[in-house]
Amino acid sequence: MDNRQILSALSYFSVFFAPFLLPIVIYFVVTDREVKHHAKWAFLSHCLPIAGFILTWILGLNSIVNGGHMSQFILPLMLTGIAYLVVFIWNIVMGIKVLAR
């Protein structure tokens, strides 16, 4: 196991302790192309659920303010939670896959 594998896996495993910070730091500090690739995908996968959550809140609150029901807000929020769980599991799988090579 070399440093490239460890840094690449840490980019994915950072979902546990520093979801945005560590992949960005690794991306800008490390010069290896493969590590940069994994850091970029880890960062994007960490941003995806947050972007969905923000969009859900904006659209959900807009529908409630305009006379909608709370049920219009719950379903997108649940789908965002499921997306976060899928991305969380994907980061763990990718981290293990990088370490196993």
C-alpha atoms as a PDB file:
ATOM      1  CA  MET A   1       0.000   0.000   0.000  1.00  0.00           C
ATOM      2  CA  ASP A   2       1.481   3.312  -1.014  1.00  0.00           C
ATOM      3  CA  ASN A   3       0.788   6.946  -0.239  1.00  0.00           C
ATOM      4  CA  ARG A   4      -1.343   7.403  -3.372  1.00  0.00           C
ATOM      5  CA  GLN A   5      -3.766   4.719  -2.249  1.00  0.00           C
ATOM      6  CA  ILE A   6      -3.944   6.080   1.279  1.00  0.00           C
ATOM      7  CA  LEU A   7      -4.569   9.672   0.179  1.00  0.00           C
ATOM      8  CA  SER A   8      -7.149   8.585  -2.391  1.00  0.00           C
ATOM      9  CA  ALA A   9      -8.980   6.457   0.168  1.00  0.00           C
ATOM     10  CA  LEU A  10      -8.825   9.241   2.753  1.00  0.00           C
ATOM     11  CA  SER A  11     -10.561  11.529   0.272  1.00  0.00           C
ATOM     12  CA  TYR A  12     -13.518   9.158   0.248  1.00  0.00           C
ATOM     13  CA  PHE A  13     -13.391   8.259   3.945  1.00  0.00           C
ATOM     14  CA  SER A  14     -13.388  11.940   4.852  1.00  0.00           C
ATOM     15  CA  VAL A  15     -17.186  11.701   4.659  1.00  0.00           C
ATOM     16  CA  PHE A  16     -16.842  10.618   8.322  1.00  0.00           C
ATOM     17  CA  PHE A  17     -14.780  13.525   9.639  1.00  0.00           C
ATOM     18  CA  ALA A  18     -14.097  16.364   7.140  1.00  0.00           C
ATOM     19  CA  PRO A  19     -16.359  15.972   4.111  1.00  0.00           C
ATOM     20  CA  PHE A  20     -15.426  19.100   2.192  1.00  0.00           C
ATOM     21  CA  LEU A  21     -12.132  20.212   3.639  1.00  0.00           C
ATOM     22  CA  LEU A  22      -9.933  17.140   3.197  1.00  0.00           C
ATOM     23  CA  PRO A  23     -10.681  16.412  -0.485  1.00  0.00           C
ATOM     24  CA  ILE A  24     -10.070  20.061  -1.373  1.00  0.00           C
ATOM     25  CA  VAL A  25      -6.779  20.139   0.524  1.00  0.00           C
ATOM     26  CA  ILE A  26      -5.655  16.877  -1.057  1.00  0.00           C
ATOM     27  CA  TYR A  27      -6.665  18.100  -4.518  1.00  0.00           C
ATOM     28  CA  PHE A  28      -4.621  21.300  -4.285  1.00  0.00           C
ATOM     29  CA  VAL A  29      -1.616  19.951  -2.369  1.00  0.00           C
ATOM     30  CA  VAL A  30      -0.929  16.636  -4.098  1.00  0.00           C
ATOM     31  CA  THR A  31       0.508  16.638  -7.616  1.00  0.00           C
ATOM     32  CA  ASP A  32      -0.314  13.033  -8.550  1.00  0.00           C
ATOM     33  CA  ARG A  33      -3.019  12.832 -11.237  1.00  0.00           C
ATOM     34  CA  GLU A  34      -4.702   9.716  -9.841  1.00  0.00           C
ATOM     35  CA  VAL A  35      -4.976  11.159  -6.331  1.00  0.00           C
ATOM     36  CA  LYS A  36      -6.376  14.411  -7.754  1.00  0.00           C
ATOM     37  CA  HIS A  37      -8.964  12.388  -9.678  1.00  0.00           C
ATOM     38  CA  HIS A  38     -10.154  10.594  -6.532  1.00  0.00           C
ATOM     39  CA  ALA A  39     -10.114  13.797  -4.461  1.00  0.00           C
ATOM     40  CA  LYS A  40     -12.248  15.562  -7.084  1.00  0.00           C
ATOM     41  CA  TRP A  41     -14.834  12.759  -7.183  1.00  0.00           C
ATOM     42  CA  ALA A  42     -14.895  12.525  -3.406  1.00  0.00           C
ATOM     43  CA  PHE A  43     -15.516  16.268  -3.126  1.00  0.00           C
ATOM     44  CA  LEU A  44     -18.276  16.174  -5.739  1.00  0.00           C
ATOM     45  CA  SER A  45     -19.925  13.222  -4.037  1.00  0.00           C
ATOM     46  CA  HIS A  46     -19.830  15.087  -0.718  1.00  0.00           C
ATOM     47  CA  CYS A  47     -21.442  18.153  -2.318  1.00  0.00           C
ATOM     48  CA  LEU A  48     -24.256  16.297  -4.080  1.00  0.00           C
ATOM     49  CA  PRO A  49     -26.458  15.594  -1.030  1.00  0.00           C
ATOM     50  CA  ILE A  50     -25.906  19.080   0.365  1.00  0.00           C
ATOM     51  CA  ALA A  51     -26.942  20.665  -2.931  1.00  0.00           C
ATOM     52  CA  GLY A  52     -30.024  18.437  -3.027  1.00  0.00           C
ATOM     53  CA  PHE A  53     -30.864  19.327   0.562  1.00  0.00           C
ATOM     54  CA  ILE A  54     -30.596  23.066  -0.124  1.00  0.00           C
ATOM     55  CA  LEU A  55     -32.685  22.751  -3.276  1.00  0.00           C
ATOM     56  CA  THR A  56     -35.288  20.728  -1.381  1.00  0.00           C
ATOM     57  CA  TRP A  57     -35.538  23.384   1.313  1.00  0.00           C
ATOM     58  CA  ILE A  58     -35.834  26.216  -1.189  1.00  0.00           C
ATOM     59  CA  LEU A  59     -38.500  24.485  -3.276  1.00  0.00           C
ATOM     60  CA  GLY A  60     -40.311  23.073  -0.261  1.00  0.00           C
ATOM     61  CA  LEU A  61     -40.476  26.353   1.612  1.00  0.00           C
ATOM     62  CA  ASN A  62     -41.561  28.108  -1.565  1.00  0.00           C
ATOM     63  CA  SER A  63     -44.452  25.693  -2.021  1.00  0.00           C
ATOM     64  CA  ILE A  64     -45.504  26.044   1.637  1.00  0.00           C
ATOM     65  CA  VAL A  65     -45.399  29.848   1.472  1.00  0.00           C
ATOM     66  CA  ASN A  66     -47.500  29.779  -1.693  1.00  0.00           C
ATOM     67  CA  GLY A  67     -50.258  27.740  -0.039  1.00  0.00           C
ATOM     68  CA  GLY A  68     -48.959  24.231  -0.517  1.00  0.00           C
ATOM     69  CA  HIS A  69     -49.100  21.433   2.018  1.00  0.00           C
ATOM     70  CA  MET A  70     -46.337  20.041   4.160  1.00  0.00           C
ATOM     71  CA  SER A  71     -46.609  16.755   2.236  1.00  0.00           C
ATOM     72  CA  GLN A  72     -45.074  18.505  -0.766  1.00  0.00           C
ATOM     73  CA  PHE A  73     -42.026  19.138   1.384  1.00  0.00           C
ATOM     74  CA  ILE A  74     -41.688  15.728   3.041  1.00  0.00           C
ATOM     75  CA  LEU A  75     -41.270  13.556  -0.066  1.00  0.00           C
ATOM     76  CA  PRO A  76     -38.370  15.568  -1.570  1.00  0.00           C
ATOM     77  CA  LEU A  77     -36.753  15.684   1.866  1.00  0.00           C
ATOM     78  CA  MET A  78     -36.999  11.890   2.169  1.00  0.00           C
ATOM     79  CA  LEU A  79     -35.564  11.449  -1.333  1.00  0.00           C
ATOM     80  CA  THR A  80     -32.676  13.726  -0.399  1.00  0.00           C
ATOM     81  CA  GLY A  81     -32.047  11.605   2.696  1.00  0.00           C
ATOM     82  CA  ILE A  82     -31.985   8.458   0.581  1.00  0.00           C
ATOM     83  CA  ALA A  83     -29.588  10.145  -1.857  1.00  0.00           C
ATOM     84  CA  TYR A  84     -27.320  11.079   1.064  1.00  0.00           C
ATOM     85  CA  LEU A  85     -27.338   7.467   2.282  1.00  0.00           C
ATOM     86  CA  VAL A  86     -26.474   6.181  -1.201  1.00  0.00           C
ATOM     87  CA  VAL A  87     -23.620   8.672  -1.567  1.00  0.00           C
ATOM     88  CA  PHE A  88     -22.374   7.840   1.945  1.00  0.00           C
ATOM     89  CA  ILE A  89     -22.260   4.124   1.114  1.00  0.00           C
ATOM     90  CA  TRP A  90     -20.688   4.879  -2.285  1.00  0.00           C
ATOM     91  CA  ASN A  91     -17.855   6.799  -0.570  1.00  0.00           C
ATOM     92  CA  ILE A  92     -17.176   3.885   1.758  1.00  0.00           C
ATOM     93  CA  VAL A  93     -17.175   1.396  -1.134  1.00  0.00           C
ATOM     94  CA  MET A  94     -14.875   3.572  -3.237  1.00  0.00           C
ATOM     95  CA  GLY A  95     -12.480   4.052  -0.314  1.00  0.00           C
ATOM     96  CA  ILE A  96     -12.288   0.303   0.235  1.00  0.00           C
ATOM     97  CA  LYS A  97     -11.917  -0.313  -3.503  1.00  0.00           C
ATOM     98  CA  VAL A  98      -8.988   2.126  -3.719  1.00  0.00           C
ATOM     99  CA  LEU A  99      -7.290   0.484  -0.735  1.00  0.00           C
ATOM    100  CA  ALA A 100      -7.812  -3.008  -2.163  1.00  0.00           C
ATOM    101  CA  ARG A 101      -5.905  -2.273  -5.378  1.00  0.00           C
END
